Amino acid sequence: MKHYGKNAKVYFDVYDGACEKCCELYLEEPYIPMQSIPKIFTLDDIIRNGNNIGRKKEDWLPTISPTHPYCRCTINHKSDKREWDDSTKDFTKVKKYEPKNKKLQGVKLNIAIKK
């Protein structure tokens, strides 16, 4: 939160053999966990969920603290400059830059500063 702020995007690594509730909470396609893309949350939303102590299993929410005892899912920051790479199963692929101004697409600038 110190580095990226409360609106930082985060996701959870769900490891092989994770319980079905963690797969449901943290993955887009919970029934094929090793091929699924993680859900993206904002850090503020995860903090507001508090923890799952005292909640029934069907009422569990995504939280910073472990979802349940023995939970191995880990929270990670998701950079806006990265996208999902199927080969590495992580957000490692660098997004292609697309200028907001359509007139500048394809323009390359070579600027040299001389003293």
PDB file of N, CA and C in Angstrom:
ATOM      1  N   MET A   1       0.831  -1.182   0.000  1.00  0.00           N
ATOM      2  CA  MET A   1       0.000   0.000   0.000  1.00  0.00           C
ATOM      3  C   MET A   1       0.884   1.256   0.000  1.00  0.00           C
ATOM      4  N   LYS A   2       2.037   1.177   0.665  1.00  0.00           N
ATOM      5  CA  LYS A   2       2.945   2.321   0.686  1.00  0.00           C
ATOM      6  C   LYS A   2       3.476   2.633  -0.712  1.00  0.00           C
ATOM      7  N   HIS A   3       3.765   1.602  -1.486  1.00  0.00           N
ATOM      8  CA  HIS A   3       4.380   1.801  -2.794  1.00  0.00           C
ATOM      9  C   HIS A   3       3.373   2.124  -3.890  1.00  0.00           C
ATOM     10  N   TYR A   4       2.211   1.481  -3.874  1.00  0.00           N
ATOM     11  CA  TYR A   4       1.281   1.580  -5.001  1.00  0.00           C
ATOM     12  C   TYR A   4      -0.048   2.232  -4.667  1.00  0.00           C
ATOM     13  N   GLY A   5      -0.346   2.472  -3.400  1.00  0.00           N
ATOM     14  CA  GLY A   5      -1.593   3.117  -2.999  1.00  0.00           C
ATOM     15  C   GLY A   5      -2.732   2.129  -2.813  1.00  0.00           C
ATOM     16  N   LYS A   6      -3.857   2.651  -2.338  1.00  0.00           N
ATOM     17  CA  LYS A   6      -4.981   1.770  -2.020  1.00  0.00           C
ATOM     18  C   LYS A   6      -5.716   1.272  -3.263  1.00  0.00           C
ATOM     19  N   ASN A   7      -5.523   1.905  -4.408  1.00  0.00           N
ATOM     20  CA  ASN A   7      -6.186   1.456  -5.637  1.00  0.00           C
ATOM     21  C   ASN A   7      -5.307   0.530  -6.468  1.00  0.00           C
ATOM     22  N   ALA A   8      -4.238   0.038  -5.880  1.00  0.00           N
ATOM     23  CA  ALA A   8      -3.343  -0.884  -6.587  1.00  0.00           C
ATOM     24  C   ALA A   8      -4.101  -2.155  -6.947  1.00  0.00           C
ATOM     25  N   LYS A   9      -3.768  -2.705  -8.099  1.00  0.00           N
ATOM     26  CA  LYS A   9      -4.393  -3.960  -8.527  1.00  0.00           C
ATOM     27  C   LYS A   9      -3.575  -5.128  -7.981  1.00  0.00           C
ATOM     28  N   VAL A  10      -4.279  -6.120  -7.451  1.00  0.00           N
ATOM     29  CA  VAL A  10      -3.627  -7.298  -6.889  1.00  0.00           C
ATOM     30  C   VAL A  10      -4.314  -8.565  -7.392  1.00  0.00           C
ATOM     31  N   TYR A  11      -3.577  -9.659  -7.320  1.00  0.00           N
ATOM     32  CA  TYR A  11      -4.122 -10.967  -7.667  1.00  0.00           C
ATOM     33  C   TYR A  11      -3.502 -11.991  -6.726  1.00  0.00           C
ATOM     34  N   PHE A  12      -4.051 -13.193  -6.721  1.00  0.00           N
ATOM     35  CA  PHE A  12      -3.556 -14.248  -5.844  1.00  0.00           C
ATOM     36  C   PHE A  12      -3.001 -15.396  -6.663  1.00  0.00           C
ATOM     37  N   ASP A  13      -1.836 -15.896  -6.254  1.00  0.00           N
ATOM     38  CA  ASP A  13      -1.299 -17.132  -6.820  1.00  0.00           C
ATOM     39  C   ASP A  13      -2.015 -18.280  -6.125  1.00  0.00           C
ATOM     40  N   VAL A  14      -2.701 -19.097  -6.913  1.00  0.00           N
ATOM     41  CA  VAL A  14      -3.388 -20.266  -6.372  1.00  0.00           C
ATOM     42  C   VAL A  14      -2.594 -21.478  -6.823  1.00  0.00           C
ATOM     43  N   TYR A  15      -2.041 -22.200  -5.865  1.00  0.00           N
ATOM     44  CA  TYR A  15      -1.132 -23.284  -6.176  1.00  0.00           C
ATOM     45  C   TYR A  15      -1.864 -24.590  -6.459  1.00  0.00           C
ATOM     46  N   ASP A  16      -1.146 -25.502  -7.076  1.00  0.00           N
ATOM     47  CA  ASP A  16      -1.662 -26.835  -7.382  1.00  0.00           C
ATOM     48  C   ASP A  16      -2.162 -27.489  -6.093  1.00  0.00           C
ATOM     49  N   GLY A  17      -3.342 -28.045  -6.113  1.00  0.00           N
ATOM     50  CA  GLY A  17      -3.896 -28.706  -4.942  1.00  0.00           C
ATOM     51  C   GLY A  17      -4.644 -27.783  -4.012  1.00  0.00           C
ATOM     52  N   ALA A  18      -4.906 -26.548  -4.437  1.00  0.00           N
ATOM     53  CA  ALA A  18      -5.648 -25.605  -3.595  1.00  0.00           C
ATOM     54  C   ALA A  18      -7.095 -26.079  -3.434  1.00  0.00           C
ATOM     55  N   CYS A  19      -7.715 -25.673  -2.345  1.00  0.00           N
ATOM     56  CA  CYS A  19      -9.104 -26.072  -2.101  1.00  0.00           C
ATOM     57  C   CYS A  19     -10.027 -25.419  -3.128  1.00  0.00           C
ATOM     58  N   GLU A  20     -11.210 -25.994  -3.298  1.00  0.00           N
ATOM     59  CA  GLU A  20     -12.126 -25.482  -4.312  1.00  0.00           C
ATOM     60  C   GLU A  20     -12.648 -24.095  -3.964  1.00  0.00           C
ATOM     61  N   LYS A  21     -12.701 -23.731  -2.676  1.00  0.00           N
ATOM     62  CA  LYS A  21     -13.168 -22.393  -2.299  1.00  0.00           C
ATOM     63  C   LYS A  21     -12.151 -21.328  -2.720  1.00  0.00           C
ATOM     64  N   CYS A  22     -10.860 -21.599  -2.549  1.00  0.00           N
ATOM     65  CA  CYS A  22      -9.829 -20.657  -2.996  1.00  0.00           C
ATOM     66  C   CYS A  22      -9.861 -20.512  -4.518  1.00  0.00           C
ATOM     67  N   CYS A  23     -10.038 -21.625  -5.225  1.00  0.00           N
ATOM     68  CA  CYS A  23     -10.144 -21.571  -6.681  1.00  0.00           C
ATOM     69  C   CYS A  23     -11.344 -20.720  -7.091  1.00  0.00           C
ATOM     70  N   GLU A  24     -12.450 -20.879  -6.388  1.00  0.00           N
ATOM     71  CA  GLU A  24     -13.660 -20.110  -6.687  1.00  0.00           C
ATOM     72  C   GLU A  24     -13.454 -18.620  -6.413  1.00  0.00           C
ATOM     73  N   LEU A  25     -12.791 -18.291  -5.304  1.00  0.00           N
ATOM     74  CA  LEU A  25     -12.587 -16.894  -4.923  1.00  0.00           C
ATOM     75  C   LEU A  25     -11.581 -16.173  -5.810  1.00  0.00           C
ATOM     76  N   TYR A  26     -10.511 -16.868  -6.206  1.00  0.00           N
ATOM     77  CA  TYR A  26      -9.370 -16.188  -6.806  1.00  0.00           C
ATOM     78  C   TYR A  26      -9.129 -16.454  -8.291  1.00  0.00           C
ATOM     79  N   LEU A  27      -9.886 -17.360  -8.921  1.00  0.00           N
ATOM     80  CA  LEU A  27      -9.647 -17.694 -10.325  1.00  0.00           C
ATOM     81  C   LEU A  27     -10.871 -17.427 -11.197  1.00  0.00           C
ATOM     82  N   GLU A  28     -10.613 -17.005 -12.442  1.00  0.00           N
ATOM     83  CA  GLU A  28     -11.695 -16.759 -13.402  1.00  0.00           C
ATOM     84  C   GLU A  28     -12.440 -18.045 -13.743  1.00  0.00           C
ATOM     85  N   GLU A  29     -11.707 -19.132 -13.912  1.00  0.00           N
ATOM     86  CA  GLU A  29     -12.294 -20.433 -14.252  1.00  0.00           C
ATOM     87  C   GLU A  29     -11.886 -21.440 -13.169  1.00  0.00           C
ATOM     88  N   PRO A  30     -12.647 -21.514 -12.078  1.00  0.00           N
ATOM     89  CA  PRO A  30     -12.227 -22.333 -10.935  1.00  0.00           C
ATOM     90  C   PRO A  30     -12.190 -23.835 -11.192  1.00  0.00           C
ATOM     91  N   TYR A  31     -12.838 -24.311 -12.244  1.00  0.00           N
ATOM     92  CA  TYR A  31     -12.886 -25.755 -12.471  1.00  0.00           C
ATOM     93  C   TYR A  31     -11.687 -26.273 -13.260  1.00  0.00           C
ATOM     94  N   ILE A  32     -10.881 -25.362 -13.810  1.00  0.00           N
ATOM     95  CA  ILE A  32      -9.617 -25.748 -14.448  1.00  0.00           C
ATOM     96  C   ILE A  32      -8.511 -24.845 -13.885  1.00  0.00           C
ATOM     97  N   PRO A  33      -8.154 -25.045 -12.611  1.00  0.00           N
ATOM     98  CA  PRO A  33      -7.275 -24.104 -11.916  1.00  0.00           C
ATOM     99  C   PRO A  33      -5.901 -23.892 -12.529  1.00  0.00           C
ATOM    100  N   MET A  34      -5.287 -24.907 -13.107  1.00  0.00           N
ATOM    101  CA  MET A  34      -3.934 -24.730 -13.623  1.00  0.00           C
ATOM    102  C   MET A  34      -3.913 -24.050 -14.985  1.00  0.00           C
ATOM    103  N   GLN A  35      -5.079 -23.809 -15.574  1.00  0.00           N
ATOM    104  CA  GLN A  35      -5.147 -23.108 -16.853  1.00  0.00           C
ATOM    105  C   GLN A  35      -5.876 -21.775 -16.726  1.00  0.00           C
ATOM    106  N   SER A  36      -6.315 -21.434 -15.540  1.00  0.00           N
ATOM    107  CA  SER A  36      -7.139 -20.259 -15.327  1.00  0.00           C
ATOM    108  C   SER A  36      -6.313 -19.000 -15.073  1.00  0.00           C
ATOM    109  N   ILE A  37      -6.889 -17.876 -15.446  1.00  0.00           N
ATOM    110  CA  ILE A  37      -6.299 -16.566 -15.178  1.00  0.00           C
ATOM    111  C   ILE A  37      -6.811 -16.091 -13.821  1.00  0.00           C
ATOM    112  N   PRO A  38      -5.957 -15.504 -12.978  1.00  0.00           N
ATOM    113  CA  PRO A  38      -6.414 -15.011 -11.677  1.00  0.00           C
ATOM    114  C   PRO A  38      -7.355 -13.814 -11.817  1.00  0.00           C
ATOM    115  N   LYS A  39      -8.280 -13.698 -10.873  1.00  0.00           N
ATOM    116  CA  LYS A  39      -9.139 -12.513 -10.804  1.00  0.00           C
ATOM    117  C   LYS A  39      -8.306 -11.347 -10.291  1.00  0.00           C
ATOM    118  N   ILE A  40      -8.616 -10.152 -10.769  1.00  0.00           N
ATOM    119  CA  ILE A  40      -7.906  -8.942 -10.350  1.00  0.00           C
ATOM    120  C   ILE A  40      -8.799  -8.186  -9.362  1.00  0.00           C
ATOM    121  N   PHE A  41      -8.216  -7.776  -8.243  1.00  0.00           N
ATOM    122  CA  PHE A  41      -8.925  -7.013  -7.218  1.00  0.00           C
ATOM    123  C   PHE A  41      -8.175  -5.706  -6.985  1.00  0.00           C
ATOM    124  N   THR A  42      -8.844  -4.742  -6.349  1.00  0.00           N
ATOM    125  CA  THR A  42      -8.115  -3.567  -5.865  1.00  0.00           C
ATOM    126  C   THR A  42      -7.751  -3.838  -4.407  1.00  0.00           C
ATOM    127  N   LEU A  43      -6.641  -3.327  -3.983  1.00  0.00           N
ATOM    128  CA  LEU A  43      -6.161  -3.540  -2.626  1.00  0.00           C
ATOM    129  C   LEU A  43      -7.179  -3.031  -1.610  1.00  0.00           C
ATOM    130  N   ASP A  44      -7.819  -1.917  -1.905  1.00  0.00           N
ATOM    131  CA  ASP A  44      -8.810  -1.341  -1.009  1.00  0.00           C
ATOM    132  C   ASP A  44      -9.984  -2.299  -0.785  1.00  0.00           C
ATOM    133  N   ASP A  45     -10.457  -2.954  -1.852  1.00  0.00           N
ATOM    134  CA  ASP A  45     -11.569  -3.911  -1.714  1.00  0.00           C
ATOM    135  C   ASP A  45     -11.174  -5.093  -0.836  1.00  0.00           C
ATOM    136  N   ILE A  46      -9.961  -5.591  -1.026  1.00  0.00           N
ATOM    137  CA  ILE A  46      -9.487  -6.730  -0.236  1.00  0.00           C
ATOM    138  C   ILE A  46      -9.367  -6.343   1.240  1.00  0.00           C
ATOM    139  N   ILE A  47      -8.890  -5.150   1.518  1.00  0.00           N
ATOM    140  CA  ILE A  47      -8.754  -4.692   2.905  1.00  0.00           C
ATOM    141  C   ILE A  47     -10.125  -4.550   3.555  1.00  0.00           C
ATOM    142  N   ARG A  48     -11.111  -4.008   2.808  1.00  0.00           N
ATOM    143  CA  ARG A  48     -12.462  -3.828   3.356  1.00  0.00           C
ATOM    144  C   ARG A  48     -13.145  -5.153   3.698  1.00  0.00           C
ATOM    145  N   ASN A  49     -12.722  -6.251   3.069  1.00  0.00           N
ATOM    146  CA  ASN A  49     -13.320  -7.553   3.375  1.00  0.00           C
ATOM    147  C   ASN A  49     -12.933  -8.065   4.758  1.00  0.00           C
ATOM    148  N   GLY A  50     -11.909  -7.497   5.354  1.00  0.00           N
ATOM    149  CA  GLY A  50     -11.485  -7.918   6.691  1.00  0.00           C
ATOM    150  C   GLY A  50     -10.864  -9.299   6.669  1.00  0.00           C
ATOM    151  N   ASN A  51     -11.364 -10.197   7.524  1.00  0.00           N
ATOM    152  CA  ASN A  51     -10.872 -11.574   7.526  1.00  0.00           C
ATOM    153  C   ASN A  51     -12.068 -12.526   7.598  1.00  0.00           C
ATOM    154  N   ASN A  52     -11.806 -13.803   7.471  1.00  0.00           N
ATOM    155  CA  ASN A  52     -12.880 -14.791   7.430  1.00  0.00           C
ATOM    156  C   ASN A  52     -13.096 -15.508   8.762  1.00  0.00           C
ATOM    157  N   ILE A  53     -12.513 -14.998   9.829  1.00  0.00           N
ATOM    158  CA  ILE A  53     -12.683 -15.624  11.146  1.00  0.00           C
ATOM    159  C   ILE A  53     -14.145 -15.495  11.572  1.00  0.00           C
ATOM    160  N   GLY A  54     -14.753 -16.634  11.870  1.00  0.00           N
ATOM    161  CA  GLY A  54     -16.141 -16.644  12.315  1.00  0.00           C
ATOM    162  C   GLY A  54     -17.160 -16.737  11.184  1.00  0.00           C
ATOM    163  N   ARG A  55     -16.720 -16.662   9.948  1.00  0.00           N
ATOM    164  CA  ARG A  55     -17.637 -16.785   8.808  1.00  0.00           C
ATOM    165  C   ARG A  55     -17.761 -18.243   8.395  1.00  0.00           C
ATOM    166  N   LYS A  56     -18.933 -18.590   7.894  1.00  0.00           N
ATOM    167  CA  LYS A  56     -19.120 -19.926   7.346  1.00  0.00           C
ATOM    168  C   LYS A  56     -18.407 -20.002   6.001  1.00  0.00           C
ATOM    169  N   LYS A  57     -18.048 -21.200   5.599  1.00  0.00           N
ATOM    170  CA  LYS A  57     -17.278 -21.402   4.370  1.00  0.00           C
ATOM    171  C   LYS A  57     -17.948 -20.750   3.159  1.00  0.00           C
ATOM    172  N   GLU A  58     -19.263 -20.837   3.055  1.00  0.00           N
ATOM    173  CA  GLU A  58     -19.955 -20.256   1.901  1.00  0.00           C
ATOM    174  C   GLU A  58     -19.981 -18.725   1.935  1.00  0.00           C
ATOM    175  N   ASP A  59     -19.616 -18.126   3.078  1.00  0.00           N
ATOM    176  CA  ASP A  59     -19.585 -16.663   3.210  1.00  0.00           C
ATOM    177  C   ASP A  59     -18.186 -16.081   3.127  1.00  0.00           C
ATOM    178  N   TRP A  60     -17.165 -16.925   2.896  1.00  0.00           N
ATOM    179  CA  TRP A  60     -15.792 -16.436   2.834  1.00  0.00           C
ATOM    180  C   TRP A  60     -15.619 -15.432   1.700  1.00  0.00           C
ATOM    181  N   LEU A  61     -14.745 -14.453   1.929  1.00  0.00           N
ATOM    182  CA  LEU A  61     -14.421 -13.413   0.956  1.00  0.00           C
ATOM    183  C   LEU A  61     -12.919 -13.390   0.719  1.00  0.00           C
ATOM    184  N   PRO A  62     -12.473 -12.813  -0.392  1.00  0.00           N
ATOM    185  CA  PRO A  62     -11.032 -12.641  -0.606  1.00  0.00           C
ATOM    186  C   PRO A  62     -10.466 -11.685   0.449  1.00  0.00           C
ATOM    187  N   THR A  63      -9.387 -12.071   1.103  1.00  0.00           N
ATOM    188  CA  THR A  63      -8.795 -11.254   2.166  1.00  0.00           C
ATOM    189  C   THR A  63      -7.275 -11.242   2.053  1.00  0.00           C
ATOM    190  N   ILE A  64      -6.655 -10.246   2.674  1.00  0.00           N
ATOM    191  CA  ILE A  64      -5.194 -10.200   2.704  1.00  0.00           C
ATOM    192  C   ILE A  64      -4.660 -11.323   3.580  1.00  0.00           C
ATOM    193  N   SER A  65      -5.300 -11.514   4.718  1.00  0.00           N
ATOM    194  CA  SER A  65      -4.880 -12.613   5.593  1.00  0.00           C
ATOM    195  C   SER A  65      -5.274 -13.926   4.935  1.00  0.00           C
ATOM    196  N   PRO A  66      -4.721 -15.038   5.365  1.00  0.00           N
ATOM    197  CA  PRO A  66      -5.100 -16.312   4.734  1.00  0.00           C
ATOM    198  C   PRO A  66      -6.616 -16.507   4.751  1.00  0.00           C
ATOM    199  N   THR A  67      -7.134 -17.046   3.669  1.00  0.00           N
ATOM    200  CA  THR A  67      -8.569 -17.248   3.542  1.00  0.00           C
ATOM    201  C   THR A  67      -9.074 -18.226   4.595  1.00  0.00           C
ATOM    202  N   HIS A  68      -8.272 -19.218   4.904  1.00  0.00           N
ATOM    203  CA  HIS A  68      -8.629 -20.246   5.884  1.00  0.00           C
ATOM    204  C   HIS A  68      -7.333 -20.801   6.467  1.00  0.00           C
ATOM    205  N   PRO A  69      -7.419 -21.567   7.558  1.00  0.00           N
ATOM    206  CA  PRO A  69      -6.194 -22.186   8.096  1.00  0.00           C
ATOM    207  C   PRO A  69      -5.522 -23.063   7.032  1.00  0.00           C
ATOM    208  N   TYR A  70      -4.233 -23.019   6.947  1.00  0.00           N
ATOM    209  CA  TYR A  70      -3.416 -23.790   5.992  1.00  0.00           C
ATOM    210  C   TYR A  70      -3.546 -23.293   4.551  1.00  0.00           C
ATOM    211  N   CYS A  71      -4.087 -22.115   4.340  1.00  0.00           N
ATOM    212  CA  CYS A  71      -4.193 -21.544   2.984  1.00  0.00           C
ATOM    213  C   CYS A  71      -2.796 -21.139   2.511  1.00  0.00           C
ATOM    214  N   ARG A  72      -2.444 -21.514   1.272  1.00  0.00           N
ATOM    215  CA  ARG A  72      -1.125 -21.180   0.718  1.00  0.00           C
ATOM    216  C   ARG A  72      -1.208 -20.128  -0.380  1.00  0.00           C
ATOM    217  N   CYS A  73      -2.387 -19.613  -0.670  1.00  0.00           N
ATOM    218  CA  CYS A  73      -2.542 -18.606  -1.730  1.00  0.00           C
ATOM    219  C   CYS A  73      -1.836 -17.320  -1.306  1.00  0.00           C
ATOM    220  N   THR A  74      -1.065 -16.743  -2.222  1.00  0.00           N
ATOM    221  CA  THR A  74      -0.301 -15.551  -1.884  1.00  0.00           C
ATOM    222  C   THR A  74      -0.732 -14.379  -2.749  1.00  0.00           C
ATOM    223  N   ILE A  75      -0.754 -13.206  -2.134  1.00  0.00           N
ATOM    224  CA  ILE A  75      -1.180 -11.991  -2.821  1.00  0.00           C
ATOM    225  C   ILE A  75       0.024 -11.367  -3.532  1.00  0.00           C
ATOM    226  N   ASN A  76      -0.233 -10.816  -4.739  1.00  0.00           N
ATOM    227  CA  ASN A  76       0.820 -10.188  -5.543  1.00  0.00           C
ATOM    228  C   ASN A  76       0.295  -8.911  -6.183  1.00  0.00           C
ATOM    229  N   HIS A  77       1.199  -7.979  -6.419  1.00  0.00           N
ATOM    230  CA  HIS A  77       0.839  -6.747  -7.135  1.00  0.00           C
ATOM    231  C   HIS A  77       0.776  -7.023  -8.629  1.00  0.00           C
ATOM    232  N   LYS A  78      -0.210  -6.440  -9.310  1.00  0.00           N
ATOM    233  CA  LYS A  78      -0.329  -6.578 -10.766  1.00  0.00           C
ATOM    234  C   LYS A  78      -0.043  -5.228 -11.406  1.00  0.00           C
ATOM    235  N   SER A  79       1.027  -5.154 -12.137  1.00  0.00           N
ATOM    236  CA  SER A  79       1.416  -3.922 -12.812  1.00  0.00           C
ATOM    237  C   SER A  79       0.502  -3.657 -14.005  1.00  0.00           C
ATOM    238  N   ASP A  80       0.178  -2.388 -14.230  1.00  0.00           N
ATOM    239  CA  ASP A  80      -0.640  -2.015 -15.394  1.00  0.00           C
ATOM    240  C   ASP A  80       0.115  -2.232 -16.699  1.00  0.00           C
ATOM    241  N   LYS A  81       1.431  -2.334 -16.624  1.00  0.00           N
ATOM    242  CA  LYS A  81       2.257  -2.496 -17.827  1.00  0.00           C
ATOM    243  C   LYS A  81       2.436  -3.959 -18.226  1.00  0.00           C
ATOM    244  N   ARG A  82       1.870  -4.874 -17.461  1.00  0.00           N
ATOM    245  CA  ARG A  82       2.032  -6.308 -17.730  1.00  0.00           C
ATOM    246  C   ARG A  82       0.684  -6.953 -18.007  1.00  0.00           C
ATOM    247  N   GLU A  83       0.720  -8.035 -18.790  1.00  0.00           N
ATOM    248  CA  GLU A  83      -0.484  -8.818 -19.043  1.00  0.00           C
ATOM    249  C   GLU A  83      -0.175 -10.295 -18.895  1.00  0.00           C
ATOM    250  N   TRP A  84      -1.210 -11.109 -18.853  1.00  0.00           N
ATOM    251  CA  TRP A  84      -1.086 -12.540 -18.604  1.00  0.00           C
ATOM    252  C   TRP A  84      -0.348 -13.241 -19.732  1.00  0.00           C
ATOM    253  N   ASP A  85       0.605 -14.083 -19.374  1.00  0.00           N
ATOM    254  CA  ASP A  85       1.357 -14.882 -20.334  1.00  0.00           C
ATOM    255  C   ASP A  85       1.035 -16.347 -20.057  1.00  0.00           C
ATOM    256  N   ASP A  86       0.403 -17.028 -21.016  1.00  0.00           N
ATOM    257  CA  ASP A  86       0.003 -18.421 -20.829  1.00  0.00           C
ATOM    258  C   ASP A  86       1.185 -19.366 -20.659  1.00  0.00           C
ATOM    259  N   SER A  87       2.318 -19.049 -21.269  1.00  0.00           N
ATOM    260  CA  SER A  87       3.459 -19.957 -21.176  1.00  0.00           C
ATOM    261  C   SER A  87       4.086 -19.959 -19.781  1.00  0.00           C
ATOM    262  N   THR A  88       4.149 -18.804 -19.123  1.00  0.00           N
ATOM    263  CA  THR A  88       4.735 -18.725 -17.782  1.00  0.00           C
ATOM    264  C   THR A  88       3.684 -18.789 -16.680  1.00  0.00           C
ATOM    265  N   LYS A  89       2.417 -18.667 -17.038  1.00  0.00           N
ATOM    266  CA  LYS A  89       1.311 -18.653 -16.068  1.00  0.00           C
ATOM    267  C   LYS A  89       1.502 -17.545 -15.037  1.00  0.00           C
ATOM    268  N   ASP A  90       1.829 -16.356 -15.548  1.00  0.00           N
ATOM    269  CA  ASP A  90       2.068 -15.205 -14.680  1.00  0.00           C
ATOM    270  C   ASP A  90       1.877 -13.927 -15.493  1.00  0.00           C
ATOM    271  N   PHE A  91       1.803 -12.800 -14.813  1.00  0.00           N
ATOM    272  CA  PHE A  91       1.688 -11.505 -15.484  1.00  0.00           C
ATOM    273  C   PHE A  91       3.097 -11.002 -15.823  1.00  0.00           C
ATOM    274  N   THR A  92       3.726 -11.623 -16.822  1.00  0.00           N
ATOM    275  CA  THR A  92       5.093 -11.262 -17.197  1.00  0.00           C
ATOM    276  C   THR A  92       5.179 -10.630 -18.576  1.00  0.00           C
ATOM    277  N   LYS A  93       4.185 -10.803 -19.403  1.00  0.00           N
ATOM    278  CA  LYS A  93       4.226 -10.264 -20.759  1.00  0.00           C
ATOM    279  C   LYS A  93       4.036  -8.752 -20.718  1.00  0.00           C
ATOM    280  N   VAL A  94       4.951  -8.010 -21.349  1.00  0.00           N
ATOM    281  CA  VAL A  94       4.876  -6.552 -21.379  1.00  0.00           C
ATOM    282  C   VAL A  94       3.798  -6.141 -22.383  1.00  0.00           C
ATOM    283  N   LYS A  95       2.892  -5.268 -21.917  1.00  0.00           N
ATOM    284  CA  LYS A  95       1.818  -4.799 -22.792  1.00  0.00           C
ATOM    285  C   LYS A  95       2.393  -3.905 -23.881  1.00  0.00           C
ATOM    286  N   LYS A  96       1.829  -4.034 -25.068  1.00  0.00           N
ATOM    287  CA  LYS A  96       2.235  -3.175 -26.163  1.00  0.00           C
ATOM    288  C   LYS A  96       1.659  -1.778 -25.918  1.00  0.00           C
ATOM    289  N   TYR A  97       2.520  -0.777 -26.041  1.00  0.00           N
ATOM    290  CA  TYR A  97       2.087   0.599 -25.804  1.00  0.00           C
ATOM    291  C   TYR A  97       1.219   1.080 -26.963  1.00  0.00           C
ATOM    292  N   GLU A  98       0.057   1.614 -26.625  1.00  0.00           N
ATOM    293  CA  GLU A  98      -0.825   2.204 -27.625  1.00  0.00           C
ATOM    294  C   GLU A  98      -1.103   3.635 -27.210  1.00  0.00           C
ATOM    295  N   PRO A  99      -0.670   4.605 -28.035  1.00  0.00           N
ATOM    296  CA  PRO A  99      -0.892   6.003 -27.671  1.00  0.00           C
ATOM    297  C   PRO A  99      -2.384   6.335 -27.626  1.00  0.00           C
ATOM    298  N   LYS A 100      -2.745   7.233 -26.730  1.00  0.00           N
ATOM    299  CA  LYS A 100      -4.143   7.640 -26.619  1.00  0.00           C
ATOM    300  C   LYS A 100      -4.560   8.510 -27.796  1.00  0.00           C
ATOM    301  N   ASN A 101      -3.609   9.268 -28.339  1.00  0.00           N
ATOM    302  CA  ASN A 101      -3.890  10.116 -29.488  1.00  0.00           C
ATOM    303  C   ASN A 101      -3.651   9.295 -30.755  1.00  0.00           C
ATOM    304  N   LYS A 102      -4.709   9.035 -31.522  1.00  0.00           N
ATOM    305  CA  LYS A 102      -4.620   8.189 -32.717  1.00  0.00           C
ATOM    306  C   LYS A 102      -3.680   8.778 -33.776  1.00  0.00           C
ATOM    307  N   LYS A 103      -3.493  10.099 -33.791  1.00  0.00           N
ATOM    308  CA  LYS A 103      -2.608  10.719 -34.772  1.00  0.00           C
ATOM    309  C   LYS A 103      -1.139  10.361 -34.536  1.00  0.00           C
ATOM    310  N   LEU A 104      -0.817   9.966 -33.309  1.00  0.00           N
ATOM    311  CA  LEU A 104       0.571   9.674 -32.970  1.00  0.00           C
ATOM    312  C   LEU A 104       0.937   8.201 -33.128  1.00  0.00           C
ATOM    313  N   GLN A 105       0.002   7.364 -33.549  1.00  0.00           N
ATOM    314  CA  GLN A 105       0.317   5.949 -33.703  1.00  0.00           C
ATOM    315  C   GLN A 105       1.351   5.770 -34.813  1.00  0.00           C
ATOM    316  N   GLY A 106       2.374   5.024 -34.530  1.00  0.00           N
ATOM    317  CA  GLY A 106       3.414   4.746 -35.513  1.00  0.00           C
ATOM    318  C   GLY A 106       4.498   5.803 -35.580  1.00  0.00           C
ATOM    319  N   VAL A 107       4.374   6.892 -34.830  1.00  0.00           N
ATOM    320  CA  VAL A 107       5.372   7.955 -34.849  1.00  0.00           C
ATOM    321  C   VAL A 107       6.487   7.596 -33.866  1.00  0.00           C
ATOM    322  N   LYS A 108       7.733   7.672 -34.340  1.00  0.00           N
ATOM    323  CA  LYS A 108       8.883   7.423 -33.472  1.00  0.00           C
ATOM    324  C   LYS A 108       9.658   8.717 -33.321  1.00  0.00           C
ATOM    325  N   LEU A 109      10.047   9.031 -32.111  1.00  0.00           N
ATOM    326  CA  LEU A 109      10.782  10.247 -31.836  1.00  0.00           C
ATOM    327  C   LEU A 109      12.212   9.905 -31.448  1.00  0.00           C
ATOM    328  N   ASN A 110      13.157  10.549 -32.102  1.00  0.00           N
ATOM    329  CA  ASN A 110      14.568  10.408 -31.758  1.00  0.00           C
ATOM    330  C   ASN A 110      15.043  11.757 -31.236  1.00  0.00           C
ATOM    331  N   ILE A 111      15.135  11.855 -29.922  1.00  0.00           N
ATOM    332  CA  ILE A 111      15.500  13.126 -29.306  1.00  0.00           C
ATOM    333  C   ILE A 111      16.865  12.956 -28.673  1.00  0.00           C
ATOM    334  N   ALA A 112      17.774  13.830 -29.020  1.00  0.00           N
ATOM    335  CA  ALA A 112      19.119  13.811 -28.443  1.00  0.00           C
ATOM    336  C   ALA A 112      19.342  15.136 -27.726  1.00  0.00           C
ATOM    337  N   ILE A 113      19.908  15.061 -26.535  1.00  0.00           N
ATOM    338  CA  ILE A 113      20.188  16.261 -25.745  1.00  0.00           C
ATOM    339  C   ILE A 113      21.685  16.484 -25.770  1.00  0.00           C
ATOM    340  N   LYS A 114      22.089  17.688 -26.205  1.00  0.00           N
ATOM    341  CA  LYS A 114      23.507  18.030 -26.284  1.00  0.00           C
ATOM    342  C   LYS A 114      23.788  19.218 -25.397  1.00  0.00           C
ATOM    343  N   LYS A 115      24.962  19.207 -24.766  1.00  0.00           N
ATOM    344  CA  LYS A 115      25.358  20.320 -23.893  1.00  0.00           C
ATOM    345  C   LYS A 115      26.208  21.310 -24.643  1.00  0.00           C
TER     346      LYS A 115
END
